[in-house]
Amino acid sequence: MKQEFLTENSRSILIDWLIYIHYTFRFKPETLYVTVYIIDSFLDKNQVNKNKFQLVGITALLIACKYHEIEFPKITEFNYITENSYSKKEIILKEYEIISSL
C-alpha cells in the first residue's frame, strides 16, 4: 500500500533509531530483522500518520522482543524510550492492532 503521509526517508530515520535502540539493549540480531519485517508488513496493509509512525516502530520492536528475547524491557521502558510520546495504553492498543493486521 502506498503511504500517503510517509516517505522512504521517514522509514530510514525510524529504522536507524530502532538500530540504535537495538544495540543499546543488546538484543539478538533476529529481533531487529523481525522488527523491520513487522513494520514493513504493517505498512503494506495499513495507512500510518507521521505522528504515529514511531509508535508503530517501537511496538514492532516490542512484539519482536517478545518472540526472540528471553528478557526484554517493560512497556514503560519503551514509553520512556519515546520520551513519553505514547502512553502504555497506546502501545498496548497498537500492539493489538499490528498483531490483528498481520
N, C-alpha and C. Protein backbone atom coordinates (compact mmCIF):
# COMPACT_ATOMS: atom_id res chain seq x y z
N MET A 1 0.84 -1.17 0.00
CA MET A 1 0.00 0.00 0.00
C MET A 1 0.90 1.24 0.00
N LYS A 2 0.58 2.17 -0.82
CA LYS A 2 1.33 3.42 -0.89
C LYS A 2 0.97 4.28 0.32
N GLN A 3 1.99 4.71 1.04
CA GLN A 3 1.77 5.53 2.23
C GLN A 3 1.61 7.00 1.84
N GLU A 4 0.51 7.58 2.25
CA GLU A 4 0.23 8.98 1.96
C GLU A 4 1.11 9.93 2.76
N PHE A 5 1.34 9.61 4.01
CA PHE A 5 1.96 10.55 4.93
C PHE A 5 3.43 10.27 5.20
N LEU A 6 3.94 9.16 4.68
CA LEU A 6 5.31 8.77 4.95
C LEU A 6 6.14 8.73 3.68
N THR A 7 7.43 8.97 3.83
CA THR A 7 8.36 8.86 2.71
C THR A 7 9.37 7.77 3.02
N GLU A 8 10.16 7.43 2.03
CA GLU A 8 11.23 6.46 2.26
C GLU A 8 12.21 7.00 3.30
N ASN A 9 12.40 8.30 3.29
CA ASN A 9 13.29 8.93 4.28
C ASN A 9 12.75 8.74 5.69
N SER A 10 11.43 8.83 5.86
CA SER A 10 10.81 8.60 7.17
C SER A 10 11.13 7.20 7.66
N ARG A 11 11.03 6.24 6.76
CA ARG A 11 11.31 4.85 7.12
C ARG A 11 12.77 4.68 7.53
N SER A 12 13.68 5.27 6.77
CA SER A 12 15.10 5.10 7.09
C SER A 12 15.45 5.76 8.43
N ILE A 13 14.84 6.88 8.74
CA ILE A 13 15.07 7.53 10.04
C ILE A 13 14.57 6.63 11.17
N LEU A 14 13.38 6.06 11.00
CA LEU A 14 12.83 5.16 12.01
C LEU A 14 13.72 3.94 12.20
N ILE A 15 14.16 3.33 11.11
CA ILE A 15 14.99 2.13 11.20
C ILE A 15 16.33 2.45 11.86
N ASP A 16 16.94 3.59 11.52
CA ASP A 16 18.19 4.00 12.16
C ASP A 16 18.01 4.15 13.67
N TRP A 17 16.90 4.76 14.08
CA TRP A 17 16.60 4.93 15.50
C TRP A 17 16.41 3.57 16.18
N LEU A 18 15.71 2.65 15.51
CA LEU A 18 15.49 1.31 16.07
C LEU A 18 16.81 0.53 16.16
N ILE A 19 17.69 0.72 15.21
CA ILE A 19 19.02 0.08 15.27
C ILE A 19 19.78 0.57 16.49
N TYR A 20 19.70 1.87 16.75
CA TYR A 20 20.36 2.44 17.94
C TYR A 20 19.79 1.79 19.21
N ILE A 21 18.49 1.69 19.30
CA ILE A 21 17.85 1.07 20.47
C ILE A 21 18.26 -0.40 20.58
N HIS A 22 18.27 -1.07 19.42
CA HIS A 22 18.65 -2.49 19.37
C HIS A 22 20.05 -2.70 19.95
N TYR A 23 21.00 -1.89 19.53
CA TYR A 23 22.37 -2.03 20.03
C TYR A 23 22.49 -1.60 21.48
N THR A 24 21.72 -0.60 21.89
CA THR A 24 21.76 -0.14 23.27
C THR A 24 21.33 -1.26 24.23
N PHE A 25 20.27 -1.98 23.86
CA PHE A 25 19.78 -3.06 24.71
C PHE A 25 20.44 -4.41 24.43
N ARG A 26 21.28 -4.45 23.41
CA ARG A 26 22.00 -5.68 23.04
C ARG A 26 21.04 -6.84 22.75
N PHE A 27 20.02 -6.53 21.94
CA PHE A 27 19.09 -7.57 21.52
C PHE A 27 19.75 -8.47 20.49
N LYS A 28 19.17 -9.62 20.27
CA LYS A 28 19.66 -10.55 19.26
C LYS A 28 19.44 -9.94 17.87
N PRO A 29 20.30 -10.30 16.90
CA PRO A 29 20.11 -9.78 15.54
C PRO A 29 18.72 -10.11 14.96
N GLU A 30 18.23 -11.29 15.29
CA GLU A 30 16.92 -11.70 14.78
C GLU A 30 15.82 -10.75 15.20
N THR A 31 15.96 -10.15 16.37
CA THR A 31 14.95 -9.23 16.87
C THR A 31 14.83 -8.03 15.94
N LEU A 32 15.95 -7.52 15.49
CA LEU A 32 15.92 -6.37 14.57
C LEU A 32 15.30 -6.77 13.24
N TYR A 33 15.68 -7.92 12.71
CA TYR A 33 15.13 -8.37 11.43
C TYR A 33 13.62 -8.53 11.50
N VAL A 34 13.15 -9.13 12.57
CA VAL A 34 11.70 -9.34 12.73
C VAL A 34 11.00 -7.99 12.92
N THR A 35 11.63 -7.07 13.63
CA THR A 35 11.05 -5.74 13.82
C THR A 35 10.81 -5.06 12.48
N VAL A 36 11.82 -5.06 11.63
CA VAL A 36 11.69 -4.42 10.31
C VAL A 36 10.64 -5.14 9.47
N TYR A 37 10.61 -6.46 9.55
CA TYR A 37 9.60 -7.23 8.82
C TYR A 37 8.19 -6.86 9.28
N ILE A 38 8.00 -6.74 10.58
CA ILE A 38 6.69 -6.38 11.11
C ILE A 38 6.28 -4.99 10.63
N ILE A 39 7.21 -4.05 10.70
CA ILE A 39 6.92 -2.68 10.25
C ILE A 39 6.52 -2.69 8.79
N ASP A 40 7.33 -3.31 7.94
CA ASP A 40 7.05 -3.33 6.50
C ASP A 40 5.74 -4.03 6.19
N SER A 41 5.47 -5.12 6.86
CA SER A 41 4.21 -5.85 6.64
C SER A 41 3.01 -5.01 7.07
N PHE A 42 3.13 -4.33 8.19
CA PHE A 42 2.05 -3.48 8.67
C PHE A 42 1.82 -2.31 7.72
N LEU A 43 2.91 -1.69 7.25
CA LEU A 43 2.79 -0.56 6.32
C LEU A 43 2.20 -0.99 4.99
N ASP A 44 2.43 -2.23 4.62
CA ASP A 44 1.89 -2.76 3.37
C ASP A 44 0.37 -2.86 3.41
N LYS A 45 -0.19 -3.01 4.61
CA LYS A 45 -1.63 -3.22 4.74
C LYS A 45 -2.38 -2.04 5.34
N ASN A 46 -1.67 -1.07 5.94
CA ASN A 46 -2.33 -0.01 6.69
C ASN A 46 -1.70 1.35 6.41
N GLN A 47 -2.52 2.38 6.37
CA GLN A 47 -2.03 3.76 6.30
C GLN A 47 -1.61 4.18 7.70
N VAL A 48 -0.49 4.88 7.79
CA VAL A 48 0.02 5.33 9.08
C VAL A 48 0.30 6.83 8.99
N ASN A 49 -0.22 7.58 9.95
CA ASN A 49 0.09 9.01 10.03
C ASN A 49 1.51 9.18 10.54
N LYS A 50 2.13 10.25 10.13
CA LYS A 50 3.52 10.50 10.52
C LYS A 50 3.68 10.58 12.03
N ASN A 51 2.69 11.13 12.74
CA ASN A 51 2.80 11.28 14.19
C ASN A 51 2.63 9.95 14.94
N LYS A 52 2.22 8.89 14.25
CA LYS A 52 2.08 7.56 14.88
C LYS A 52 3.11 6.57 14.35
N PHE A 53 4.00 7.03 13.48
CA PHE A 53 4.98 6.13 12.85
C PHE A 53 5.97 5.59 13.87
N GLN A 54 6.43 6.44 14.78
CA GLN A 54 7.35 5.99 15.82
C GLN A 54 6.66 4.97 16.73
N LEU A 55 5.38 5.15 16.96
CA LEU A 55 4.61 4.20 17.77
C LEU A 55 4.58 2.83 17.09
N VAL A 56 4.40 2.81 15.79
CA VAL A 56 4.44 1.55 15.05
C VAL A 56 5.81 0.89 15.21
N GLY A 57 6.86 1.68 15.10
CA GLY A 57 8.21 1.15 15.21
C GLY A 57 8.52 0.57 16.57
N ILE A 58 8.22 1.31 17.62
CA ILE A 58 8.54 0.84 18.97
C ILE A 58 7.66 -0.36 19.34
N THR A 59 6.44 -0.39 18.84
CA THR A 59 5.56 -1.52 19.12
C THR A 59 6.02 -2.76 18.35
N ALA A 60 6.47 -2.57 17.13
CA ALA A 60 7.02 -3.70 16.36
C ALA A 60 8.24 -4.28 17.08
N LEU A 61 9.06 -3.40 17.65
CA LEU A 61 10.21 -3.87 18.42
C LEU A 61 9.77 -4.65 19.65
N LEU A 62 8.75 -4.18 20.32
CA LEU A 62 8.21 -4.88 21.49
C LEU A 62 7.72 -6.28 21.10
N ILE A 63 7.00 -6.37 20.00
CA ILE A 63 6.49 -7.67 19.54
C ILE A 63 7.65 -8.61 19.20
N ALA A 64 8.65 -8.09 18.50
CA ALA A 64 9.81 -8.90 18.13
C ALA A 64 10.57 -9.36 19.37
N CYS A 65 10.67 -8.49 20.37
CA CYS A 65 11.34 -8.86 21.62
C CYS A 65 10.61 -10.00 22.32
N LYS A 66 9.31 -9.93 22.31
CA LYS A 66 8.52 -10.99 22.95
C LYS A 66 8.75 -12.33 22.26
N TYR A 67 9.08 -12.29 20.99
CA TYR A 67 9.29 -13.52 20.24
C TYR A 67 10.72 -14.05 20.38
N HIS A 68 11.71 -13.16 20.39
CA HIS A 68 13.11 -13.61 20.32
C HIS A 68 13.93 -13.44 21.59
N GLU A 69 13.55 -12.54 22.47
CA GLU A 69 14.38 -12.25 23.64
C GLU A 69 13.87 -13.00 24.87
N ILE A 70 14.79 -13.44 25.69
CA ILE A 70 14.42 -14.08 26.95
C ILE A 70 13.99 -13.00 27.94
N GLU A 71 14.79 -11.94 28.03
CA GLU A 71 14.45 -10.80 28.86
C GLU A 71 14.39 -9.57 27.96
N PHE A 72 13.39 -8.75 28.17
CA PHE A 72 13.25 -7.55 27.37
C PHE A 72 12.64 -6.45 28.21
N PRO A 73 12.79 -5.19 27.78
CA PRO A 73 12.25 -4.07 28.56
C PRO A 73 10.74 -4.15 28.72
N LYS A 74 10.27 -3.58 29.82
CA LYS A 74 8.83 -3.48 30.05
C LYS A 74 8.25 -2.38 29.16
N ILE A 75 6.95 -2.40 29.01
CA ILE A 75 6.29 -1.40 28.18
C ILE A 75 6.61 0.01 28.67
N THR A 76 6.71 0.19 29.96
CA THR A 76 7.03 1.53 30.49
C THR A 76 8.41 2.00 30.03
N GLU A 77 9.34 1.07 29.83
CA GLU A 77 10.65 1.45 29.31
C GLU A 77 10.57 1.85 27.84
N PHE A 78 9.72 1.16 27.09
CA PHE A 78 9.51 1.56 25.70
C PHE A 78 8.85 2.93 25.65
N ASN A 79 7.99 3.20 26.60
CA ASN A 79 7.36 4.51 26.72
C ASN A 79 8.44 5.56 26.98
N TYR A 80 9.37 5.27 27.87
CA TYR A 80 10.46 6.19 28.19
C TYR A 80 11.35 6.44 26.98
N ILE A 81 11.63 5.38 26.21
CA ILE A 81 12.47 5.49 25.02
C ILE A 81 11.91 6.52 24.05
N THR A 82 10.59 6.59 23.96
CA THR A 82 9.95 7.54 23.05
C THR A 82 9.74 8.90 23.70
N GLU A 83 10.43 9.13 24.82
CA GLU A 83 10.32 10.38 25.57
C GLU A 83 8.87 10.66 25.97
N ASN A 84 8.18 9.59 26.35
CA ASN A 84 6.79 9.66 26.80
C ASN A 84 5.84 10.22 25.74
N SER A 85 6.20 10.01 24.48
CA SER A 85 5.32 10.46 23.38
C SER A 85 4.04 9.64 23.33
N TYR A 86 4.12 8.40 23.80
CA TYR A 86 2.97 7.50 23.76
C TYR A 86 2.78 6.87 25.12
N SER A 87 1.55 6.69 25.50
CA SER A 87 1.24 6.08 26.79
C SER A 87 1.35 4.56 26.69
N LYS A 88 1.37 3.93 27.84
CA LYS A 88 1.38 2.47 27.91
C LYS A 88 0.15 1.91 27.19
N LYS A 89 -0.98 2.56 27.39
CA LYS A 89 -2.23 2.12 26.76
C LYS A 89 -2.14 2.22 25.23
N GLU A 90 -1.55 3.31 24.72
CA GLU A 90 -1.41 3.46 23.27
C GLU A 90 -0.52 2.36 22.69
N ILE A 91 0.54 2.01 23.40
CA ILE A 91 1.44 0.96 22.93
C ILE A 91 0.71 -0.38 22.91
N ILE A 92 -0.04 -0.67 23.95
CA ILE A 92 -0.79 -1.93 24.01
C ILE A 92 -1.84 -1.99 22.91
N LEU A 93 -2.54 -0.89 22.68
CA LEU A 93 -3.56 -0.87 21.61
C LEU A 93 -2.93 -1.02 20.23
N LYS A 94 -1.77 -0.39 20.03
CA LYS A 94 -1.08 -0.53 18.74
C LYS A 94 -0.56 -1.95 18.56
N GLU A 95 -0.12 -2.58 19.64
CA GLU A 95 0.32 -3.97 19.58
C GLU A 95 -0.83 -4.85 19.11
N TYR A 96 -1.99 -4.65 19.68
CA TYR A 96 -3.17 -5.41 19.28
C TYR A 96 -3.51 -5.15 17.81
N GLU A 97 -3.43 -3.89 17.40
CA GLU A 97 -3.75 -3.54 16.01
C GLU A 97 -2.77 -4.19 15.03
N ILE A 98 -1.48 -4.16 15.36
CA ILE A 98 -0.48 -4.76 14.48
C ILE A 98 -0.65 -6.26 14.39
N ILE A 99 -0.80 -6.90 15.54
CA ILE A 99 -0.96 -8.36 15.53
C ILE A 99 -2.23 -8.77 14.80
N SER A 100 -3.31 -8.03 15.01
CA SER A 100 -4.57 -8.33 14.30
C SER A 100 -4.42 -8.14 12.81
N SER A 101 -3.67 -7.15 12.40
CA SER A 101 -3.49 -6.85 10.99
C SER A 101 -2.65 -7.92 10.29
N LEU A 102 -1.66 -8.42 11.01
CA LEU A 102 -0.76 -9.41 10.40
C LEU A 102 -1.31 -10.82 10.53
